[in-house]
Amino acid sequence: MEDAKIQVKDYGDVLNKRHGNLRLRKYAVVSLGFERLWWEEVMSDKGL
């Protein structure tokens, strides 16, 4: 999950730099087998 949070934060930062303030909500999603998902919202360092 920690790797997923890092990836989504980095990708979200790139999108915000490229396209301005998109007001994105970012989520890290990890598969736990075939039937379960685990997700968490990733907040930016700047806040909302």
PDB file of N, CA and C in Angstrom:
ATOM      1  N   MET A   1       0.828  -1.184   0.000  1.00  0.00           N
ATOM      2  CA  MET A   1       0.000   0.000   0.000  1.00  0.00           C
ATOM      3  C   MET A   1       0.876   1.252   0.000  1.00  0.00           C
ATOM      4  N   GLU A   2       1.973   1.207   0.728  1.00  0.00           N
ATOM      5  CA  GLU A   2       2.847   2.393   0.771  1.00  0.00           C
ATOM      6  C   GLU A   2       3.397   2.725  -0.615  1.00  0.00           C
ATOM      7  N   ASP A   3       3.777   1.696  -1.388  1.00  0.00           N
ATOM      8  CA  ASP A   3       4.258   1.936  -2.752  1.00  0.00           C
ATOM      9  C   ASP A   3       3.161   2.543  -3.620  1.00  0.00           C
ATOM     10  N   ALA A   4       1.934   2.065  -3.465  1.00  0.00           N
ATOM     11  CA  ALA A   4       0.808   2.599  -4.237  1.00  0.00           C
ATOM     12  C   ALA A   4       0.559   4.062  -3.889  1.00  0.00           C
ATOM     13  N   LYS A   5       0.668   4.418  -2.612  1.00  0.00           N
ATOM     14  CA  LYS A   5       0.478   5.814  -2.194  1.00  0.00           C
ATOM     15  C   LYS A   5       1.541   6.723  -2.806  1.00  0.00           C
ATOM     16  N   ILE A   6       2.774   6.249  -2.833  1.00  0.00           N
ATOM     17  CA  ILE A   6       3.860   7.039  -3.421  1.00  0.00           C
ATOM     18  C   ILE A   6       3.617   7.239  -4.912  1.00  0.00           C
ATOM     19  N   GLN A   7       3.222   6.170  -5.606  1.00  0.00           N
ATOM     20  CA  GLN A   7       2.979   6.256  -7.044  1.00  0.00           C
ATOM     21  C   GLN A   7       1.840   7.209  -7.373  1.00  0.00           C
ATOM     22  N   VAL A   8       0.733   7.116  -6.633  1.00  0.00           N
ATOM     23  CA  VAL A   8      -0.412   7.977  -6.938  1.00  0.00           C
ATOM     24  C   VAL A   8      -0.102   9.432  -6.610  1.00  0.00           C
ATOM     25  N   LYS A   9       0.674   9.684  -5.569  1.00  0.00           N
ATOM     26  CA  LYS A   9       1.054  11.058  -5.234  1.00  0.00           C
ATOM     27  C   LYS A   9       1.945  11.641  -6.326  1.00  0.00           C
ATOM     28  N   ASP A  10       2.937  10.872  -6.774  1.00  0.00           N
ATOM     29  CA  ASP A  10       3.837  11.346  -7.827  1.00  0.00           C
ATOM     30  C   ASP A  10       3.075  11.619  -9.123  1.00  0.00           C
ATOM     31  N   TYR A  11       2.194  10.707  -9.516  1.00  0.00           N
ATOM     32  CA  TYR A  11       1.433  10.876 -10.753  1.00  0.00           C
ATOM     33  C   TYR A  11       0.472  12.057 -10.638  1.00  0.00           C
ATOM     34  N   GLY A  12      -0.168  12.215  -9.495  1.00  0.00           N
ATOM     35  CA  GLY A  12      -1.065  13.349  -9.281  1.00  0.00           C
ATOM     36  C   GLY A  12      -0.323  14.673  -9.344  1.00  0.00           C
ATOM     37  N   ASP A  13       0.889  14.720  -8.799  1.00  0.00           N
ATOM     38  CA  ASP A  13       1.702  15.936  -8.860  1.00  0.00           C
ATOM     39  C   ASP A  13       2.041  16.292 -10.303  1.00  0.00           C
ATOM     40  N   VAL A  14       2.369  15.292 -11.116  1.00  0.00           N
ATOM     41  CA  VAL A  14       2.673  15.531 -12.529  1.00  0.00           C
ATOM     42  C   VAL A  14       1.439  16.078 -13.247  1.00  0.00           C
ATOM     43  N   LEU A  15       0.277  15.491 -12.998  1.00  0.00           N
ATOM     44  CA  LEU A  15      -0.948  15.976 -13.639  1.00  0.00           C
ATOM     45  C   LEU A  15      -1.261  17.414 -13.236  1.00  0.00           C
ATOM     46  N   ASN A  16      -1.091  17.739 -11.967  1.00  0.00           N
ATOM     47  CA  ASN A  16      -1.351  19.108 -11.512  1.00  0.00           C
ATOM     48  C   ASN A  16      -0.375  20.106 -12.128  1.00  0.00           C
ATOM     49  N   LYS A  17       0.885  19.723 -12.283  1.00  0.00           N
ATOM     50  CA  LYS A  17       1.859  20.618 -12.918  1.00  0.00           C
ATOM     51  C   LYS A  17       1.520  20.833 -14.386  1.00  0.00           C
ATOM     52  N   ARG A  18       1.100  19.776 -15.052  1.00  0.00           N
ATOM     53  CA  ARG A  18       0.841  19.845 -16.487  1.00  0.00           C
ATOM     54  C   ARG A  18      -0.467  20.563 -16.807  1.00  0.00           C
ATOM     55  N   HIS A  19      -1.498  20.353 -15.994  1.00  0.00           N
ATOM     56  CA  HIS A  19      -2.831  20.854 -16.333  1.00  0.00           C
ATOM     57  C   HIS A  19      -3.388  21.868 -15.343  1.00  0.00           C
ATOM     58  N   GLY A  20      -2.600  22.299 -14.390  1.00  0.00           N
ATOM     59  CA  GLY A  20      -3.088  23.281 -13.423  1.00  0.00           C
ATOM     60  C   GLY A  20      -3.874  22.624 -12.307  1.00  0.00           C
ATOM     61  N   ASN A  21      -4.635  23.428 -11.594  1.00  0.00           N
ATOM     62  CA  ASN A  21      -5.394  22.938 -10.443  1.00  0.00           C
ATOM     63  C   ASN A  21      -6.619  22.153 -10.913  1.00  0.00           C
ATOM     64  N   LEU A  22      -6.523  20.836 -10.899  1.00  0.00           N
ATOM     65  CA  LEU A  22      -7.623  19.981 -11.346  1.00  0.00           C
ATOM     66  C   LEU A  22      -8.553  19.570 -10.210  1.00  0.00           C
ATOM     67  N   ARG A  23      -8.173  19.893  -8.980  1.00  0.00           N
ATOM     68  CA  ARG A  23      -8.933  19.480  -7.797  1.00  0.00           C
ATOM     69  C   ARG A  23      -9.112  17.960  -7.778  1.00  0.00           C
ATOM     70  N   LEU A  24      -8.035  17.251  -8.049  1.00  0.00           N
ATOM     71  CA  LEU A  24      -8.067  15.791  -8.092  1.00  0.00           C
ATOM     72  C   LEU A  24      -8.265  15.202  -6.709  1.00  0.00           C
ATOM     73  N   ARG A  25      -8.975  14.104  -6.670  1.00  0.00           N
ATOM     74  CA  ARG A  25      -9.012  13.254  -5.473  1.00  0.00           C
ATOM     75  C   ARG A  25      -8.244  12.003  -5.858  1.00  0.00           C
ATOM     76  N   LYS A  26      -7.240  11.675  -5.075  1.00  0.00           N
ATOM     77  CA  LYS A  26      -6.348  10.572  -5.427  1.00  0.00           C
ATOM     78  C   LYS A  26      -6.575   9.398  -4.487  1.00  0.00           C
ATOM     79  N   TYR A  27      -6.600   8.207  -5.059  1.00  0.00           N
ATOM     80  CA  TYR A  27      -6.805   6.984  -4.288  1.00  0.00           C
ATOM     81  C   TYR A  27      -5.738   5.962  -4.656  1.00  0.00           C
ATOM     82  N   ALA A  28      -5.204   5.294  -3.651  1.00  0.00           N
ATOM     83  CA  ALA A  28      -4.319   4.152  -3.855  1.00  0.00           C
ATOM     84  C   ALA A  28      -5.183   2.905  -3.702  1.00  0.00           C
ATOM     85  N   VAL A  29      -5.092   1.999  -4.681  1.00  0.00           N
ATOM     86  CA  VAL A  29      -5.910   0.783  -4.679  1.00  0.00           C
ATOM     87  C   VAL A  29      -4.986  -0.416  -4.829  1.00  0.00           C
ATOM     88  N   VAL A  30      -5.177  -1.403  -3.951  1.00  0.00           N
ATOM     89  CA  VAL A  30      -4.364  -2.616  -3.970  1.00  0.00           C
ATOM     90  C   VAL A  30      -5.301  -3.816  -3.979  1.00  0.00           C
ATOM     91  N   SER A  31      -5.000  -4.791  -4.829  1.00  0.00           N
ATOM     92  CA  SER A  31      -5.783  -6.021  -4.888  1.00  0.00           C
ATOM     93  C   SER A  31      -5.272  -7.006  -3.845  1.00  0.00           C
ATOM     94  N   LEU A  32      -6.207  -7.580  -3.097  1.00  0.00           N
ATOM     95  CA  LEU A  32      -5.878  -8.621  -2.112  1.00  0.00           C
ATOM     96  C   LEU A  32      -6.505  -9.921  -2.610  1.00  0.00           C
ATOM     97  N   GLY A  33      -5.838 -10.534  -3.558  1.00  0.00           N
ATOM     98  CA  GLY A  33      -6.404 -11.724  -4.177  1.00  0.00           C
ATOM     99  C   GLY A  33      -7.348 -11.335  -5.304  1.00  0.00           C
ATOM    100  N   PHE A  34      -8.281 -12.243  -5.633  1.00  0.00           N
ATOM    101  CA  PHE A  34      -9.194 -12.012  -6.749  1.00  0.00           C
ATOM    102  C   PHE A  34     -10.495 -11.356  -6.328  1.00  0.00           C
ATOM    103  N   GLU A  35     -10.818 -11.377  -5.062  1.00  0.00           N
ATOM    104  CA  GLU A  35     -12.140 -10.930  -4.638  1.00  0.00           C
ATOM    105  C   GLU A  35     -12.135  -9.724  -3.716  1.00  0.00           C
ATOM    106  N   ARG A  36     -10.971  -9.238  -3.326  1.00  0.00           N
ATOM    107  CA  ARG A  36     -10.941  -8.130  -2.364  1.00  0.00           C
ATOM    108  C   ARG A  36     -10.036  -7.011  -2.853  1.00  0.00           C
ATOM    109  N   LEU A  37     -10.468  -5.780  -2.588  1.00  0.00           N
ATOM    110  CA  LEU A  37      -9.673  -4.590  -2.872  1.00  0.00           C
ATOM    111  C   LEU A  37      -9.502  -3.790  -1.592  1.00  0.00           C
ATOM    112  N   TRP A  38      -8.370  -3.130  -1.490  1.00  0.00           N
ATOM    113  CA  TRP A  38      -8.115  -2.234  -0.362  1.00  0.00           C
ATOM    114  C   TRP A  38      -7.745  -0.889  -0.962  1.00  0.00           C
ATOM    115  N   TRP A  39      -8.434   0.172  -0.549  1.00  0.00           N
ATOM    116  CA  TRP A  39      -8.135   1.494  -1.070  1.00  0.00           C
ATOM    117  C   TRP A  39      -8.102   2.514   0.050  1.00  0.00           C
ATOM    118  N   GLU A  40      -7.329   3.552  -0.193  1.00  0.00           N
ATOM    119  CA  GLU A  40      -7.224   4.678   0.737  1.00  0.00           C
ATOM    120  C   GLU A  40      -7.084   5.946  -0.082  1.00  0.00           C
ATOM    121  N   GLU A  41      -7.731   7.003   0.381  1.00  0.00           N
ATOM    122  CA  GLU A  41      -7.552   8.298  -0.269  1.00  0.00           C
ATOM    123  C   GLU A  41      -6.186   8.850   0.133  1.00  0.00           C
ATOM    124  N   VAL A  42      -5.480   9.405  -0.840  1.00  0.00           N
ATOM    125  CA  VAL A  42      -4.164   9.984  -0.603  1.00  0.00           C
ATOM    126  C   VAL A  42      -4.324  11.496  -0.642  1.00  0.00           C
ATOM    127  N   MET A  43      -4.079  12.123   0.492  1.00  0.00           N
ATOM    128  CA  MET A  43      -4.217  13.576   0.585  1.00  0.00           C
ATOM    129  C   MET A  43      -2.909  14.238   0.166  1.00  0.00           C
ATOM    130  N   SER A  44      -3.015  15.405  -0.452  1.00  0.00           N
ATOM    131  CA  SER A  44      -1.815  16.141  -0.833  1.00  0.00           C
ATOM    132  C   SER A  44      -1.205  16.798   0.396  1.00  0.00           C
ATOM    133  N   ASP A  45       0.057  17.148   0.297  1.00  0.00           N
ATOM    134  CA  ASP A  45       0.752  17.811   1.401  1.00  0.00           C
ATOM    135  C   ASP A  45       0.205  19.213   1.643  1.00  0.00           C
ATOM    136  N   LYS A  46      -0.372  19.820   0.603  1.00  0.00           N
ATOM    137  CA  LYS A  46      -0.872  21.188   0.692  1.00  0.00           C
ATOM    138  C   LYS A  46      -2.241  21.268   1.341  1.00  0.00           C
ATOM    139  N   GLY A  47      -2.942  20.143   1.434  1.00  0.00           N
ATOM    140  CA  GLY A  47      -4.312  20.157   1.953  1.00  0.00           C
ATOM    141  C   GLY A  47      -5.289  20.467   0.839  1.00  0.00           C
ATOM    142  N   LEU A  48      -6.569  20.559   1.180  1.00  0.00           N
ATOM    143  CA  LEU A  48      -7.582  20.808   0.151  1.00  0.00           C
ATOM    144  C   LEU A  48      -7.977  22.232   0.098  1.00  0.00           C
TER     145      LEU A  48
END
